[in-house]
Amino acid sequence: VIQNREEGPILHEVRSKDLFEPGTLISVQGTGTVEYEGKQVSRVLLSPGEEVVIWYYAVKGRTYTYQCNLNGHAMQGMVQAVQ
């Protein structure tokens, strides 16, 4: 679950080649706007108060990265599938 908890009008995005690659992504649900490149998810935009739930198949020992590059910052995070 990724949330935009900003109180001002700051938009955030979720980009991830790891999570959104074919064979990994199961579904993206929530109040954010999902954008596609062809049939593949390219990013999710989140306005203040919105959230997204990303369901995916995790491979043991693999790290899945994601980032937001909007509004002049470079926020990033990761999810590691433990063995």
PDB file of N, CA and C in Angstrom:
ATOM      1  N   VAL A   1       0.857  -1.173   0.000  1.00  0.00           N
ATOM      2  CA  VAL A   1       0.000   0.000   0.000  1.00  0.00           C
ATOM      3  C   VAL A   1       0.901   1.233   0.000  1.00  0.00           C
ATOM      4  N   ILE A   2       0.655   2.134  -0.941  1.00  0.00           N
ATOM      5  CA  ILE A   2       1.391   3.389  -1.003  1.00  0.00           C
ATOM      6  C   ILE A   2       0.372   4.515  -0.942  1.00  0.00           C
ATOM      7  N   GLN A   3       0.607   5.469  -0.047  1.00  0.00           N
ATOM      8  CA  GLN A   3      -0.330   6.575   0.170  1.00  0.00           C
ATOM      9  C   GLN A   3       0.353   7.919  -0.076  1.00  0.00           C
ATOM     10  N   ASN A   4      -0.423   8.879  -0.567  1.00  0.00           N
ATOM     11  CA  ASN A   4       0.033  10.268  -0.649  1.00  0.00           C
ATOM     12  C   ASN A   4      -0.605  10.986   0.532  1.00  0.00           C
ATOM     13  N   ARG A   5       0.170  11.263   1.554  1.00  0.00           N
ATOM     14  CA  ARG A   5      -0.333  11.899   2.771  1.00  0.00           C
ATOM     15  C   ARG A   5      -0.087  13.403   2.798  1.00  0.00           C
ATOM     16  N   GLU A   6       0.241  13.984   1.661  1.00  0.00           N
ATOM     17  CA  GLU A   6       0.471  15.428   1.595  1.00  0.00           C
ATOM     18  C   GLU A   6      -0.810  16.180   1.924  1.00  0.00           C
ATOM     19  N   GLU A   7      -0.675  17.318   2.570  1.00  0.00           N
ATOM     20  CA  GLU A   7      -1.837  18.154   2.860  1.00  0.00           C
ATOM     21  C   GLU A   7      -2.021  19.234   1.804  1.00  0.00           C
ATOM     22  N   GLY A   8      -0.952  19.590   1.114  1.00  0.00           N
ATOM     23  CA  GLY A   8      -1.032  20.580   0.037  1.00  0.00           C
ATOM     24  C   GLY A   8      -1.274  19.884  -1.290  1.00  0.00           C
ATOM     25  N   PRO A   9      -1.318  20.661  -2.353  1.00  0.00           N
ATOM     26  CA  PRO A   9      -1.615  20.077  -3.665  1.00  0.00           C
ATOM     27  C   PRO A   9      -0.397  19.441  -4.335  1.00  0.00           C
ATOM     28  N   ILE A  10       0.258  18.505  -3.657  1.00  0.00           N
ATOM     29  CA  ILE A  10       1.471  17.885  -4.191  1.00  0.00           C
ATOM     30  C   ILE A  10       1.140  16.496  -4.729  1.00  0.00           C
ATOM     31  N   LEU A  11       1.379  16.322  -6.010  1.00  0.00           N
ATOM     32  CA  LEU A  11       1.140  15.064  -6.696  1.00  0.00           C
ATOM     33  C   LEU A  11       2.366  14.169  -6.547  1.00  0.00           C
ATOM     34  N   HIS A  12       2.150  12.875  -6.346  1.00  0.00           N
ATOM     35  CA  HIS A  12       3.229  11.892  -6.302  1.00  0.00           C
ATOM     36  C   HIS A  12       2.946  10.819  -7.332  1.00  0.00           C
ATOM     37  N   GLU A  13       3.992  10.087  -7.692  1.00  0.00           N
ATOM     38  CA  GLU A  13       3.847   8.990  -8.638  1.00  0.00           C
ATOM     39  C   GLU A  13       4.537   7.752  -8.092  1.00  0.00           C
ATOM     40  N   VAL A  14       4.140   6.609  -8.615  1.00  0.00           N
ATOM     41  CA  VAL A  14       4.820   5.351  -8.333  1.00  0.00           C
ATOM     42  C   VAL A  14       5.269   4.807  -9.682  1.00  0.00           C
ATOM     43  N   ARG A  15       6.581   4.710  -9.857  1.00  0.00           N
ATOM     44  CA  ARG A  15       7.166   4.096 -11.050  1.00  0.00           C
ATOM     45  C   ARG A  15       7.993   2.911 -10.588  1.00  0.00           C
ATOM     46  N   SER A  16       7.897   1.797 -11.335  1.00  0.00           N
ATOM     47  CA  SER A  16       8.697   0.638 -10.976  1.00  0.00           C
ATOM     48  C   SER A  16       8.775  -0.338 -12.144  1.00  0.00           C
ATOM     49  N   LYS A  17       9.963  -0.456 -12.707  1.00  0.00           N
ATOM     50  CA  LYS A  17      10.158  -1.473 -13.751  1.00  0.00           C
ATOM     51  C   LYS A  17      10.070  -2.863 -13.129  1.00  0.00           C
ATOM     52  N   ASP A  18      10.494  -2.989 -11.868  1.00  0.00           N
ATOM     53  CA  ASP A  18      10.483  -4.289 -11.190  1.00  0.00           C
ATOM     54  C   ASP A  18       9.065  -4.781 -10.919  1.00  0.00           C
ATOM     55  N   LEU A  19       8.247  -3.929 -10.303  1.00  0.00           N
ATOM     56  CA  LEU A  19       6.887  -4.339  -9.930  1.00  0.00           C
ATOM     57  C   LEU A  19       5.947  -4.419 -11.128  1.00  0.00           C
ATOM     58  N   PHE A  20       6.164  -3.570 -12.128  1.00  0.00           N
ATOM     59  CA  PHE A  20       5.234  -3.489 -13.250  1.00  0.00           C
ATOM     60  C   PHE A  20       5.657  -4.336 -14.443  1.00  0.00           C
ATOM     61  N   GLU A  21       6.691  -5.167 -14.296  1.00  0.00           N
ATOM     62  CA  GLU A  21       7.137  -5.975 -15.436  1.00  0.00           C
ATOM     63  C   GLU A  21       6.180  -7.142 -15.677  1.00  0.00           C
ATOM     64  N   PRO A  22       6.064  -7.576 -16.933  1.00  0.00           N
ATOM     65  CA  PRO A  22       5.173  -8.699 -17.247  1.00  0.00           C
ATOM     66  C   PRO A  22       5.556  -9.947 -16.444  1.00  0.00           C
ATOM     67  N   GLY A  23       4.571 -10.662 -15.960  1.00  0.00           N
ATOM     68  CA  GLY A  23       4.802 -11.862 -15.166  1.00  0.00           C
ATOM     69  C   GLY A  23       4.921 -11.609 -13.682  1.00  0.00           C
ATOM     70  N   THR A  24       5.098 -10.358 -13.283  1.00  0.00           N
ATOM     71  CA  THR A  24       5.210 -10.007 -11.865  1.00  0.00           C
ATOM     72  C   THR A  24       3.928  -9.371 -11.356  1.00  0.00           C
ATOM     73  N   LEU A  25       3.433  -8.356 -12.066  1.00  0.00           N
ATOM     74  CA  LEU A  25       2.269  -7.591 -11.624  1.00  0.00           C
ATOM     75  C   LEU A  25       1.002  -8.432 -11.695  1.00  0.00           C
ATOM     76  N   ILE A  26       0.221  -8.415 -10.608  1.00  0.00           N
ATOM     77  CA  ILE A  26      -1.083  -9.074 -10.586  1.00  0.00           C
ATOM     78  C   ILE A  26      -2.167  -8.032 -10.815  1.00  0.00           C
ATOM     79  N   SER A  27      -2.191  -6.995  -9.966  1.00  0.00           N
ATOM     80  CA  SER A  27      -3.185  -5.931 -10.139  1.00  0.00           C
ATOM     81  C   SER A  27      -2.777  -4.678  -9.385  1.00  0.00           C
ATOM     82  N   VAL A  28      -3.365  -3.553  -9.808  1.00  0.00           N
ATOM     83  CA  VAL A  28      -3.184  -2.267  -9.154  1.00  0.00           C
ATOM     84  C   VAL A  28      -4.579  -1.755  -8.853  1.00  0.00           C
ATOM     85  N   GLN A  29      -4.866  -1.501  -7.565  1.00  0.00           N
ATOM     86  CA  GLN A  29      -6.193  -1.047  -7.165  1.00  0.00           C
ATOM     87  C   GLN A  29      -6.051   0.125  -6.217  1.00  0.00           C
ATOM     88  N   GLY A  30      -7.027   0.997  -6.231  1.00  0.00           N
ATOM     89  CA  GLY A  30      -7.014   2.121  -5.312  1.00  0.00           C
ATOM     90  C   GLY A  30      -7.622   3.349  -5.937  1.00  0.00           C
ATOM     91  N   THR A  31      -7.313   4.502  -5.340  1.00  0.00           N
ATOM     92  CA  THR A  31      -7.927   5.745  -5.782  1.00  0.00           C
ATOM     93  C   THR A  31      -7.018   6.548  -6.698  1.00  0.00           C
ATOM     94  N   GLY A  32      -5.802   6.097  -6.936  1.00  0.00           N
ATOM     95  CA  GLY A  32      -4.879   6.792  -7.828  1.00  0.00           C
ATOM     96  C   GLY A  32      -5.226   6.542  -9.285  1.00  0.00           C
ATOM     97  N   THR A  33      -4.547   7.273 -10.172  1.00  0.00           N
ATOM     98  CA  THR A  33      -4.745   7.140 -11.611  1.00  0.00           C
ATOM     99  C   THR A  33      -3.649   6.251 -12.189  1.00  0.00           C
ATOM    100  N   VAL A  34      -4.033   5.133 -12.802  1.00  0.00           N
ATOM    101  CA  VAL A  34      -3.077   4.204 -13.392  1.00  0.00           C
ATOM    102  C   VAL A  34      -2.844   4.605 -14.847  1.00  0.00           C
ATOM    103  N   GLU A  35      -1.578   4.766 -15.230  1.00  0.00           N
ATOM    104  CA  GLU A  35      -1.227   5.079 -16.608  1.00  0.00           C
ATOM    105  C   GLU A  35      -0.517   3.877 -17.232  1.00  0.00           C
ATOM    106  N   TYR A  36      -0.736   3.696 -18.533  1.00  0.00           N
ATOM    107  CA  TYR A  36      -0.212   2.530 -19.247  1.00  0.00           C
ATOM    108  C   TYR A  36       0.656   2.945 -20.422  1.00  0.00           C
ATOM    109  N   GLU A  37       1.612   2.085 -20.766  1.00  0.00           N
ATOM    110  CA  GLU A  37       2.345   2.141 -22.025  1.00  0.00           C
ATOM    111  C   GLU A  37       1.973   0.847 -22.727  1.00  0.00           C
ATOM    112  N   GLY A  38       1.080   0.953 -23.704  1.00  0.00           N
ATOM    113  CA  GLY A  38       0.524  -0.257 -24.307  1.00  0.00           C
ATOM    114  C   GLY A  38      -0.368  -0.930 -23.286  1.00  0.00           C
ATOM    115  N   LYS A  39      -0.106  -2.204 -23.005  1.00  0.00           N
ATOM    116  CA  LYS A  39      -0.891  -2.939 -22.006  1.00  0.00           C
ATOM    117  C   LYS A  39      -0.202  -3.007 -20.647  1.00  0.00           C
ATOM    118  N   GLN A  40       1.000  -2.439 -20.549  1.00  0.00           N
ATOM    119  CA  GLN A  40       1.789  -2.508 -19.315  1.00  0.00           C
ATOM    120  C   GLN A  40       1.627  -1.227 -18.498  1.00  0.00           C
ATOM    121  N   VAL A  41       1.499  -1.375 -17.179  1.00  0.00           N
ATOM    122  CA  VAL A  41       1.434  -0.214 -16.286  1.00  0.00           C
ATOM    123  C   VAL A  41       2.767   0.522 -16.362  1.00  0.00           C
ATOM    124  N   SER A  42       2.716   1.846 -16.552  1.00  0.00           N
ATOM    125  CA  SER A  42       3.949   2.638 -16.575  1.00  0.00           C
ATOM    126  C   SER A  42       4.137   3.407 -15.267  1.00  0.00           C
ATOM    127  N   ARG A  43       3.021   3.916 -14.702  1.00  0.00           N
ATOM    128  CA  ARG A  43       3.101   4.601 -13.417  1.00  0.00           C
ATOM    129  C   ARG A  43       1.705   4.769 -12.842  1.00  0.00           C
ATOM    130  N   VAL A  44       1.674   5.118 -11.552  1.00  0.00           N
ATOM    131  CA  VAL A  44       0.424   5.443 -10.862  1.00  0.00           C
ATOM    132  C   VAL A  44       0.598   6.844 -10.286  1.00  0.00           C
ATOM    133  N   LEU A  45      -0.350   7.726 -10.568  1.00  0.00           N
ATOM    134  CA  LEU A  45      -0.334   9.088 -10.022  1.00  0.00           C
ATOM    135  C   LEU A  45      -1.244   9.156  -8.807  1.00  0.00           C
ATOM    136  N   LEU A  46      -0.755   9.790  -7.734  1.00  0.00           N
ATOM    137  CA  LEU A  46      -1.510   9.898  -6.490  1.00  0.00           C
ATOM    138  C   LEU A  46      -1.634  11.360  -6.074  1.00  0.00           C
ATOM    139  N   SER A  47      -2.851  11.852  -6.021  1.00  0.00           N
ATOM    140  CA  SER A  47      -3.136  13.177  -5.473  1.00  0.00           C
ATOM    141  C   SER A  47      -3.197  13.059  -3.956  1.00  0.00           C
ATOM    142  N   PRO A  48      -3.139  14.174  -3.211  1.00  0.00           N
ATOM    143  CA  PRO A  48      -3.222  14.100  -1.752  1.00  0.00           C
ATOM    144  C   PRO A  48      -4.456  13.317  -1.299  1.00  0.00           C
ATOM    145  N   GLY A  49      -4.248  12.412  -0.342  1.00  0.00           N
ATOM    146  CA  GLY A  49      -5.323  11.596   0.204  1.00  0.00           C
ATOM    147  C   GLY A  49      -5.580  10.313  -0.561  1.00  0.00           C
ATOM    148  N   GLU A  50      -4.947  10.125  -1.706  1.00  0.00           N
ATOM    149  CA  GLU A  50      -5.160   8.904  -2.490  1.00  0.00           C
ATOM    150  C   GLU A  50      -4.144   7.834  -2.103  1.00  0.00           C
ATOM    151  N   GLU A  51      -4.515   6.577  -2.401  1.00  0.00           N
ATOM    152  CA  GLU A  51      -3.614   5.467  -2.140  1.00  0.00           C
ATOM    153  C   GLU A  51      -3.776   4.407  -3.214  1.00  0.00           C
ATOM    154  N   VAL A  52      -2.779   3.546  -3.314  1.00  0.00           N
ATOM    155  CA  VAL A  52      -2.800   2.455  -4.271  1.00  0.00           C
ATOM    156  C   VAL A  52      -2.311   1.190  -3.573  1.00  0.00           C
ATOM    157  N   VAL A  53      -2.913   0.062  -3.948  1.00  0.00           N
ATOM    158  CA  VAL A  53      -2.469  -1.252  -3.485  1.00  0.00           C
ATOM    159  C   VAL A  53      -1.935  -1.973  -4.715  1.00  0.00           C
ATOM    160  N   ILE A  54      -0.667  -2.388  -4.654  1.00  0.00           N
ATOM    161  CA  ILE A  54      -0.035  -3.087  -5.766  1.00  0.00           C
ATOM    162  C   ILE A  54       0.145  -4.547  -5.358  1.00  0.00           C
ATOM    163  N   TRP A  55      -0.507  -5.443  -6.082  1.00  0.00           N
ATOM    164  CA  TRP A  55      -0.400  -6.881  -5.837  1.00  0.00           C
ATOM    165  C   TRP A  55       0.558  -7.451  -6.876  1.00  0.00           C
ATOM    166  N   TYR A  56       1.518  -8.255  -6.438  1.00  0.00           N
ATOM    167  CA  TYR A  56       2.493  -8.808  -7.364  1.00  0.00           C
ATOM    168  C   TYR A  56       3.018 -10.137  -6.844  1.00  0.00           C
ATOM    169  N   TYR A  57       3.600 -10.940  -7.766  1.00  0.00           N
ATOM    170  CA  TYR A  57       4.259 -12.187  -7.402  1.00  0.00           C
ATOM    171  C   TYR A  57       5.696 -11.867  -7.028  1.00  0.00           C
ATOM    172  N   ALA A  58       6.097 -12.179  -5.815  1.00  0.00           N
ATOM    173  CA  ALA A  58       7.453 -11.897  -5.355  1.00  0.00           C
ATOM    174  C   ALA A  58       8.318 -13.158  -5.478  1.00  0.00           C
ATOM    175  N   VAL A  59       9.519 -12.981  -5.965  1.00  0.00           N
ATOM    176  CA  VAL A  59      10.495 -14.061  -6.044  1.00  0.00           C
ATOM    177  C   VAL A  59      11.393 -13.964  -4.816  1.00  0.00           C
ATOM    178  N   LYS A  60      11.550 -15.056  -4.094  1.00  0.00           N
ATOM    179  CA  LYS A  60      12.369 -15.052  -2.880  1.00  0.00           C
ATOM    180  C   LYS A  60      13.766 -14.512  -3.164  1.00  0.00           C
ATOM    181  N   GLY A  61      14.218 -13.601  -2.296  1.00  0.00           N
ATOM    182  CA  GLY A  61      15.540 -13.028  -2.404  1.00  0.00           C
ATOM    183  C   GLY A  61      15.653 -11.851  -3.361  1.00  0.00           C
ATOM    184  N   ARG A  62      14.579 -11.530  -4.076  1.00  0.00           N
ATOM    185  CA  ARG A  62      14.626 -10.417  -5.040  1.00  0.00           C
ATOM    186  C   ARG A  62      14.200  -9.110  -4.379  1.00  0.00           C
ATOM    187  N   THR A  63      14.797  -8.009  -4.823  1.00  0.00           N
ATOM    188  CA  THR A  63      14.438  -6.678  -4.356  1.00  0.00           C
ATOM    189  C   THR A  63      13.666  -5.960  -5.448  1.00  0.00           C
ATOM    190  N   TYR A  64      12.535  -5.351  -5.082  1.00  0.00           N
ATOM    191  CA  TYR A  64      11.676  -4.614  -6.004  1.00  0.00           C
ATOM    192  C   TYR A  64      11.746  -3.139  -5.626  1.00  0.00           C
ATOM    193  N   THR A  65      12.203  -2.313  -6.551  1.00  0.00           N
ATOM    194  CA  THR A  65      12.360  -0.892  -6.271  1.00  0.00           C
ATOM    195  C   THR A  65      11.219  -0.095  -6.888  1.00  0.00           C
ATOM    196  N   TYR A  66      10.963   1.070  -6.317  1.00  0.00           N
ATOM    197  CA  TYR A  66       9.984   1.997  -6.874  1.00  0.00           C
ATOM    198  C   TYR A  66      10.442   3.417  -6.539  1.00  0.00           C
ATOM    199  N   GLN A  67       9.954   4.393  -7.291  1.00  0.00           N
ATOM    200  CA  GLN A  67      10.376   5.763  -7.065  1.00  0.00           C
ATOM    201  C   GLN A  67       9.321   6.765  -7.499  1.00  0.00           C
ATOM    202  N   CYS A  68       9.506   8.015  -7.037  1.00  0.00           N
ATOM    203  CA  CYS A  68       8.710   9.164  -7.435  1.00  0.00           C
ATOM    204  C   CYS A  68       9.687  10.263  -7.821  1.00  0.00           C
ATOM    205  N   ASN A  69       9.544  10.770  -9.039  1.00  0.00           N
ATOM    206  CA  ASN A  69      10.459  11.805  -9.528  1.00  0.00           C
ATOM    207  C   ASN A  69       9.743  13.121  -9.788  1.00  0.00           C
ATOM    208  N   LEU A  70       8.525  13.288  -9.328  1.00  0.00           N
ATOM    209  CA  LEU A  70       7.771  14.512  -9.537  1.00  0.00           C
ATOM    210  C   LEU A  70       8.154  15.581  -8.524  1.00  0.00           C
ATOM    211  N   ASN A  71       7.815  16.820  -8.842  1.00  0.00           N
ATOM    212  CA  ASN A  71       7.962  17.958  -7.923  1.00  0.00           C
ATOM    213  C   ASN A  71       9.394  18.224  -7.467  1.00  0.00           C
ATOM    214  N   GLY A  72      10.366  17.906  -8.304  1.00  0.00           N
ATOM    215  CA  GLY A  72      11.746  18.243  -7.995  1.00  0.00           C
ATOM    216  C   GLY A  72      12.418  17.398  -6.933  1.00  0.00           C
ATOM    217  N   HIS A  73      11.844  16.264  -6.595  1.00  0.00           N
ATOM    218  CA  HIS A  73      12.511  15.388  -5.637  1.00  0.00           C
ATOM    219  C   HIS A  73      12.646  13.996  -6.241  1.00  0.00           C
ATOM    220  N   ALA A  74      13.455  13.186  -5.627  1.00  0.00           N
ATOM    221  CA  ALA A  74      13.674  11.818  -6.092  1.00  0.00           C
ATOM    222  C   ALA A  74      13.486  10.882  -4.903  1.00  0.00           C
ATOM    223  N   MET A  75      12.239  10.595  -4.591  1.00  0.00           N
ATOM    224  CA  MET A  75      11.933   9.673  -3.491  1.00  0.00           C
ATOM    225  C   MET A  75      12.021   8.252  -4.031  1.00  0.00           C
ATOM    226  N   GLN A  76      12.496   7.341  -3.196  1.00  0.00           N
ATOM    227  CA  GLN A  76      12.579   5.965  -3.621  1.00  0.00           C
ATOM    228  C   GLN A  76      12.385   5.026  -2.446  1.00  0.00           C
ATOM    229  N   GLY A  77      12.019   3.815  -2.774  1.00  0.00           N
ATOM    230  CA  GLY A  77      11.834   2.801  -1.760  1.00  0.00           C
ATOM    231  C   GLY A  77      12.044   1.431  -2.367  1.00  0.00           C
ATOM    232  N   MET A  78      11.982   0.414  -1.524  1.00  0.00           N
ATOM    233  CA  MET A  78      12.145  -0.949  -2.019  1.00  0.00           C
ATOM    234  C   MET A  78      11.403  -1.921  -1.129  1.00  0.00           C
ATOM    235  N   VAL A  79      11.067  -3.028  -1.729  1.00  0.00           N
ATOM    236  CA  VAL A  79      10.459  -4.143  -1.015  1.00  0.00           C
ATOM    237  C   VAL A  79      11.349  -5.340  -1.311  1.00  0.00           C
ATOM    238  N   GLN A  80      11.781  -6.036  -0.261  1.00  0.00           N
ATOM    239  CA  GLN A  80      12.641  -7.201  -0.466  1.00  0.00           C
ATOM    240  C   GLN A  80      11.878  -8.444  -0.052  1.00  0.00           C
ATOM    241  N   ALA A  81      11.828  -9.402  -0.960  1.00  0.00           N
ATOM    242  CA  ALA A  81      11.180 -10.688  -0.674  1.00  0.00           C
ATOM    243  C   ALA A  81      12.188 -11.568   0.052  1.00  0.00           C
ATOM    244  N   VAL A  82      11.911 -11.874   1.319  1.00  0.00           N
ATOM    245  CA  VAL A  82      12.855 -12.658   2.125  1.00  0.00           C
ATOM    246  C   VAL A  82      12.671 -14.127   1.861  1.00  0.00           C
ATOM    247  N   GLN A  83      13.725 -14.850   2.157  1.00  0.00           N
ATOM    248  CA  GLN A  83      13.702 -16.294   1.920  1.00  0.00           C
ATOM    249  C   GLN A  83      13.089 -17.037   3.061  1.00  0.00           C
TER     250      GLN A  83
END
